[in-house]
């Protein structure tokens, strides 16, 4: 079996720090992970080599042994007991009854040792690797985001049903544990991260937990005052309109805005702006009444 250079496998030099080893491993593991490369045998083989290299180089003592003994590093203790030093040209392996034993060791390869970690029968411990995290986007309208509700979605071919809390915001990311990629060798699954896309469309504009809307107010109610019904996500709300309300007047309806995320019975406010509408297609009688009103106002 060919000898593997673990430093070359991770794309680092022999002088690499622990942080550099960790960074290189994570980058390559993400690139060649089986969940990212399904049915790609070459990528799976590369992923195993990366894990093999990391298993050795990320462990301080193992790395020292590998630097000294190379592919036979796992037999370092036996070599050192026998006085074998591969860095001394004059060193020789023990003769006699132990010679054959150490010769056998030298013919091994750490890739054989790692076969036990990937389903072999060597009895070695298995390394567990966490599955890849998944990212998804979920589009909602404001009405849907206003109420806590359940929704089904398909991620990587799997159907999952999630509860979406009221008040979730545009661009907010929530984590669904264990719904990412499947872990390797019994390792934990990755997580699913969902980003919510909630555009400001329709009658309301949302800013945080507050809502803003422009509503049409008829001229007569604006002049004389009276009750006026304003639409909200909870239905229509009766509002008292003052006499002589001007076009563009703003009114705050406390607690009639958007629910605050994960705070039961806490809401923002609703700000409405009155758009006073002038009547059209006046009848002759209406015109006369307006003329009379105009004369009264002008004679004051």
Protein backbone atom coordinates (compact mmCIF):
# COMPACT_ATOMS: atom_id res chain seq x y z
CA UNK A 1 0.00 0.00 0.00
CA UNK A 2 1.34 3.43 -0.93
CA UNK A 3 2.73 5.66 1.81
CA UNK A 4 0.60 8.71 2.53
CA UNK A 5 2.17 12.08 3.31
CA UNK A 6 -0.27 13.49 5.84
CA UNK A 7 1.10 17.02 5.56
CA UNK A 8 0.62 16.97 1.79
CA UNK A 9 -2.87 15.50 2.25
CA UNK A 10 -3.91 18.55 4.28
CA UNK A 11 -1.95 20.93 2.06
CA UNK A 12 0.28 22.19 4.88
CA UNK A 13 3.98 22.18 5.70
CA UNK A 14 5.75 20.28 8.43
CA UNK A 15 6.06 23.50 10.43
CA UNK A 16 2.27 24.07 10.50
CA UNK A 17 0.78 25.11 13.84
CA UNK A 18 -2.11 23.32 15.52
CA UNK A 19 -4.42 26.13 14.42
CA UNK A 20 -3.27 25.82 10.82
CA UNK A 21 -3.83 22.05 10.89
CA UNK A 22 -7.33 22.54 12.27
CA UNK A 23 -8.18 25.20 9.69
CA UNK A 24 -6.88 23.12 6.77
CA UNK A 25 -8.74 20.03 7.94
CA UNK A 26 -12.08 21.85 8.31
CA UNK A 27 -11.80 23.41 4.89
CA UNK A 28 -11.06 20.12 3.15
CA UNK A 29 -13.57 18.13 5.19
CA UNK A 30 -16.35 20.48 4.10
CA UNK A 31 -15.25 20.22 0.48
CA UNK A 32 -15.06 16.42 0.31
CA UNK A 33 -17.77 15.46 2.84
CA UNK A 34 -19.99 12.60 1.53
CA UNK A 35 -23.12 14.72 2.02
CA UNK A 36 -21.72 17.30 -0.36
CA UNK A 37 -20.53 14.66 -2.85
CA UNK A 38 -23.14 11.90 -2.85
CA UNK A 39 -22.18 8.76 -4.82
CA UNK A 40 -18.70 10.19 -5.51
CA UNK A 41 -16.30 7.39 -4.60
CA UNK A 42 -13.22 9.50 -5.23
CA UNK A 43 -14.46 12.25 -2.90
CA UNK A 44 -15.30 9.67 -0.23
CA UNK A 45 -11.81 8.22 -0.48
CA UNK A 46 -10.33 11.70 -0.24
CA UNK A 47 -12.50 12.41 2.79
CA UNK A 48 -11.13 9.31 4.53
CA UNK A 49 -7.55 10.33 3.76
CA UNK A 50 -8.20 13.81 5.18
CA UNK A 51 -9.64 12.37 8.39
CA UNK A 52 -6.73 9.93 8.62
CA UNK A 53 -4.21 12.74 8.32
CA UNK A 54 -6.03 14.90 10.82
CA UNK A 55 -6.27 12.03 13.30
CA UNK A 56 -2.49 11.83 13.36
CA UNK A 57 -1.38 15.44 13.00
CA UNK A 58 -3.94 16.99 15.37
CA UNK A 59 -2.70 14.78 18.21
CA UNK A 60 0.56 16.17 19.62
CA UNK A 61 2.13 12.83 20.61
CA UNK A 62 1.00 11.06 17.44
CA UNK A 63 2.43 13.88 15.35
CA UNK A 64 5.82 13.58 17.06
CA UNK A 65 5.89 9.87 16.40
CA UNK A 66 4.84 10.37 12.78
CA UNK A 67 7.54 13.00 12.23
CA UNK A 68 10.13 10.53 13.55
CA UNK A 69 8.94 7.18 12.19
CA UNK A 70 6.73 8.11 9.23
CA UNK A 71 4.32 5.40 8.18
CA UNK A 72 5.44 3.17 11.05
CA UNK A 73 4.68 5.78 13.71
CA UNK A 74 2.11 3.58 15.47
CA UNK A 75 4.92 1.18 16.38
CA UNK A 76 7.11 3.92 17.83
CA UNK A 77 6.99 2.53 21.37
CA UNK A 78 8.26 -0.88 20.24
CA UNK A 79 11.01 0.69 18.13
CA UNK A 80 12.20 2.90 20.94
CA UNK A 81 12.27 0.02 23.41
CA UNK A 82 14.49 -1.81 20.94
CA UNK A 83 16.74 1.21 20.47
CA UNK A 84 15.86 1.76 16.80
CA UNK A 85 16.34 5.34 15.57
CA UNK A 86 15.43 5.94 11.91
CA UNK A 87 17.31 9.26 11.93
CA UNK A 88 20.68 7.60 12.54
CA UNK A 89 22.14 6.01 9.42
CA UNK A 90 24.15 3.53 11.48
CA UNK A 91 21.15 2.35 13.48
CA UNK A 92 20.05 -1.18 12.82
CA UNK A 93 17.02 -3.13 13.74
CA UNK A 94 17.50 -5.70 16.47
CA UNK A 95 18.81 -9.03 15.38
CA UNK A 96 17.72 -12.45 16.42
CA UNK A 97 14.27 -13.44 17.51
CA UNK A 98 12.96 -9.86 17.46
CA UNK A 99 14.23 -9.03 13.98
CA UNK A 100 11.34 -10.62 12.16
CA UNK A 101 8.79 -8.92 14.41
CA UNK A 102 10.11 -5.44 13.67
CA UNK A 103 10.47 -6.27 10.01
CA UNK A 104 6.76 -7.08 9.99
CA UNK A 105 5.98 -3.71 11.54
CA UNK A 106 7.90 -1.83 8.89
CA UNK A 107 5.89 -3.44 6.15
CA UNK A 108 2.66 -2.13 7.62
CA UNK A 109 1.06 1.12 6.73
CA UNK A 110 -1.09 3.43 8.78
CA UNK A 111 -3.79 3.22 6.11
CA UNK A 112 -4.15 -0.45 7.11
CA UNK A 113 -4.54 0.63 10.70
CA UNK A 114 -7.23 3.06 9.66
CA UNK A 115 -9.24 0.38 7.92
CA UNK A 116 -10.56 -0.52 11.35
CA UNK A 117 -11.88 3.02 11.70
CA UNK A 118 -13.88 2.75 8.49
CA UNK A 119 -15.59 -0.55 8.98
CA UNK A 120 -12.61 -2.93 9.07
CA UNK A 121 -12.05 -5.64 11.64
CA UNK A 122 -8.82 -4.38 13.15
CA UNK A 123 -10.56 -3.52 16.40
CA UNK A 124 -9.27 0.09 16.51
CA UNK A 125 -11.42 2.88 17.88
CA UNK A 126 -13.77 4.57 15.45
CA UNK A 127 -13.59 8.30 14.76
CA UNK A 128 -16.98 9.99 14.70
CA UNK A 129 -17.54 12.93 12.38
CA UNK A 130 -20.36 15.44 12.62
CA UNK A 131 -22.63 15.82 9.61
CA UNK A 132 -22.64 18.92 7.46
CA UNK A 133 -24.88 21.86 8.38
CA UNK A 134 -27.59 22.70 5.85
CA UNK A 135 -28.92 26.15 4.96
CA UNK A 136 -32.34 26.90 3.51
CA UNK A 137 -34.58 29.90 2.83
CA UNK A 138 -38.29 30.06 3.66
CA UNK A 139 -40.57 32.72 2.18
CA UNK A 140 -43.46 34.01 4.28
CA UNK A 141 -45.94 36.84 3.92
CA UNK A 142 -46.60 39.19 6.85
CA UNK A 143 -49.90 37.52 7.69
CA UNK A 144 -48.22 34.13 8.06
CA UNK A 145 -45.42 35.61 10.18
CA UNK A 146 -48.02 37.24 12.44
CA UNK A 147 -49.27 33.91 13.81
CA UNK A 148 -47.48 30.91 15.27
CA UNK A 149 -48.05 28.07 12.85
CA UNK A 150 -46.66 24.80 11.55
CA UNK A 151 -45.26 24.38 8.08
CA UNK A 152 -43.80 21.50 6.12
CA UNK A 153 -40.76 21.85 3.91
CA UNK A 154 -38.41 19.61 2.00
CA UNK A 155 -34.67 19.85 2.68
CA UNK A 156 -32.19 17.58 0.87
CA UNK A 157 -34.99 15.24 -0.13
CA UNK A 158 -36.41 14.93 3.39
CA UNK A 159 -39.76 16.30 4.54
CA UNK A 160 -39.75 18.00 7.91
CA UNK A 161 -42.48 19.84 9.81
CA UNK A 162 -41.49 22.84 11.88
CA UNK A 163 -43.24 25.29 14.17
CA UNK A 164 -42.68 28.92 13.19
CA UNK A 165 -43.10 31.28 16.16
CA UNK A 166 -45.13 34.45 15.69
CA UNK A 167 -43.03 37.55 15.16
CA UNK A 168 -40.20 35.98 13.18
CA UNK A 169 -38.40 38.76 11.28
CA UNK A 170 -37.17 39.17 7.74
CA UNK A 171 -33.61 37.84 7.50
CA UNK A 172 -33.84 36.06 10.84
CA UNK A 173 -32.11 32.68 11.03
CA UNK A 174 -33.32 29.87 13.27
CA UNK A 175 -31.59 26.55 13.90
CA UNK A 176 -33.32 23.18 13.67
CA UNK A 177 -30.97 20.78 15.50
CA UNK A 178 -30.02 17.43 13.97
CA UNK A 179 -31.74 18.08 10.62
CA UNK A 180 -28.55 18.63 8.63
CA UNK A 181 -26.33 16.03 7.00
CA UNK A 182 -25.89 12.57 8.47
CA UNK A 183 -22.83 12.08 10.66
CA UNK A 184 -20.12 9.57 9.77
CA UNK A 185 -19.27 6.51 11.86
CA UNK A 186 -22.08 7.20 14.31
CA UNK A 187 -21.24 10.88 14.66
CA UNK A 188 -24.02 13.43 15.28
CA UNK A 189 -26.05 14.92 12.46
CA UNK A 190 -25.48 18.49 11.41
CA UNK A 191 -28.03 21.23 11.96
CA UNK A 192 -30.45 22.97 9.62
CA UNK A 193 -30.35 26.77 9.50
CA UNK A 194 -33.42 28.46 8.03
CA UNK A 195 -33.33 32.08 6.86
CA UNK A 196 -36.76 33.73 6.66
CA UNK A 197 -37.62 36.00 3.73
CA UNK A 198 -40.59 38.21 4.68
CA UNK A 199 -41.07 41.12 2.24
CA UNK A 200 -43.04 44.25 3.09
CA UNK A 201 -45.93 43.73 0.70
CA UNK A 202 -49.60 44.55 1.05
CA UNK A 203 -51.36 47.14 3.20
CA UNK A 204 -48.86 47.15 6.04
CA UNK A 205 -45.19 48.07 6.29
CA UNK A 206 -43.28 46.46 9.12
CA UNK A 207 -40.37 47.91 11.05
CA UNK A 208 -39.38 45.61 13.88
CA UNK A 209 -42.52 45.01 15.92
CA UNK A 210 -44.31 48.15 14.68
CA UNK A 211 -46.65 48.35 11.71
CA UNK A 212 -47.38 51.32 9.48
CA UNK A 213 -50.38 51.80 7.19
CA UNK A 214 -52.14 54.53 5.24
CA UNK A 215 -55.95 54.40 5.36
CA UNK A 216 -58.53 56.34 3.41
CA UNK A 217 -60.81 58.59 5.47
CA UNK A 218 -63.94 60.07 3.90
CA UNK A 219 -64.28 63.84 3.88
CA UNK A 220 -67.39 63.92 6.03
CA UNK A 221 -65.89 61.90 8.87
CA UNK A 222 -62.74 64.01 8.64
CA UNK A 223 -64.84 67.20 8.96
CA UNK A 224 -67.39 66.10 11.53
CA UNK A 225 -65.48 63.42 13.40
CA UNK A 226 -66.94 60.09 14.44
CA UNK A 227 -66.19 56.40 14.55
CA UNK A 228 -63.94 54.90 11.94
CA UNK A 229 -62.88 51.27 11.49
CA UNK A 230 -59.21 50.52 10.83
CA UNK A 231 -58.11 47.11 9.45
CA UNK A 232 -55.50 45.12 11.45
CA UNK A 233 -54.25 41.53 11.34
CA UNK A 234 -56.70 40.78 14.14
CA UNK A 235 -59.68 42.25 12.32
CA UNK A 236 -61.12 45.77 12.23
CA UNK A 237 -60.61 48.11 15.17
CA UNK A 238 -62.91 51.06 15.92
CA UNK A 239 -61.10 54.39 16.16
CA UNK A 240 -62.50 57.74 17.32
CA UNK A 241 -61.80 60.40 14.68
CA UNK A 242 -61.61 63.97 15.92
CA UNK A 243 -63.45 66.82 14.17
CA UNK A 244 -61.57 68.63 11.43
CA UNK A 245 -58.98 65.89 11.02
CA UNK A 246 -56.45 67.00 8.43
CA UNK A 247 -55.12 64.95 5.55
CA UNK A 248 -51.88 63.21 6.57
CA UNK A 249 -52.77 63.09 10.27
CA UNK A 250 -50.98 60.20 12.04
CA UNK A 251 -52.46 58.17 14.87
CA UNK A 252 -50.87 55.49 17.05
CA UNK A 253 -52.86 52.41 18.02
CA UNK A 254 -51.00 50.98 20.98
CA UNK A 255 -50.51 47.21 21.02
CA UNK A 256 -52.02 46.72 17.56
CA UNK A 257 -48.72 46.13 15.79
CA UNK A 258 -46.73 42.95 15.24
CA UNK A 259 -46.17 40.26 17.91
CA UNK A 260 -42.76 40.37 19.55
CA UNK A 261 -40.78 37.20 18.83
CA UNK A 262 -41.15 34.59 21.58
CA UNK A 263 -42.84 37.03 23.97
CA UNK A 264 -46.40 35.92 24.52
CA UNK A 265 -49.02 38.67 24.44
CA UNK A 266 -46.44 41.38 23.69
CA UNK A 267 -47.06 43.47 20.59
CA UNK A 268 -45.68 46.53 18.91
CA UNK A 269 -47.83 49.48 17.86
CA UNK A 270 -49.76 50.29 14.70
CA UNK A 271 -49.25 53.76 13.19
CA UNK A 272 -51.90 54.86 10.71
CA UNK A 273 -51.83 57.88 8.43
CA UNK A 274 -55.17 59.31 7.28
CA UNK A 275 -55.61 59.95 3.57
CA UNK A 276 -58.68 62.18 3.37
CA UNK A 277 -60.60 61.33 0.20
CA UNK A 278 -62.59 63.99 -1.61
CA UNK A 279 -65.94 62.88 -2.99
CA UNK A 280 -66.36 62.63 -6.78
CA UNK A 281 -69.35 62.76 -9.13
CA UNK A 282 -71.26 65.19 -6.92
CA UNK A 283 -74.99 65.48 -7.51
CA UNK A 284 -76.57 68.88 -8.13
CA UNK A 285 -77.90 68.96 -4.60
CA UNK A 286 -74.47 68.13 -3.18
CA UNK A 287 -72.89 70.89 -5.24
CA UNK A 288 -75.42 73.39 -3.90
CA UNK A 289 -74.68 72.33 -0.35
CA UNK A 290 -70.94 72.72 -0.90
CA UNK A 291 -71.54 76.16 -2.41
CA UNK A 292 -73.61 77.15 0.63
CA UNK A 293 -70.87 75.89 2.92
CA UNK A 294 -68.32 77.88 0.94
CA UNK A 295 -70.40 81.06 1.25
CA UNK A 296 -70.78 80.52 4.99
CA UNK A 297 -67.06 80.10 5.41
CA UNK A 298 -66.27 83.12 3.27
CA UNK A 299 -68.71 85.37 5.12
CA UNK A 300 -67.17 84.65 8.50
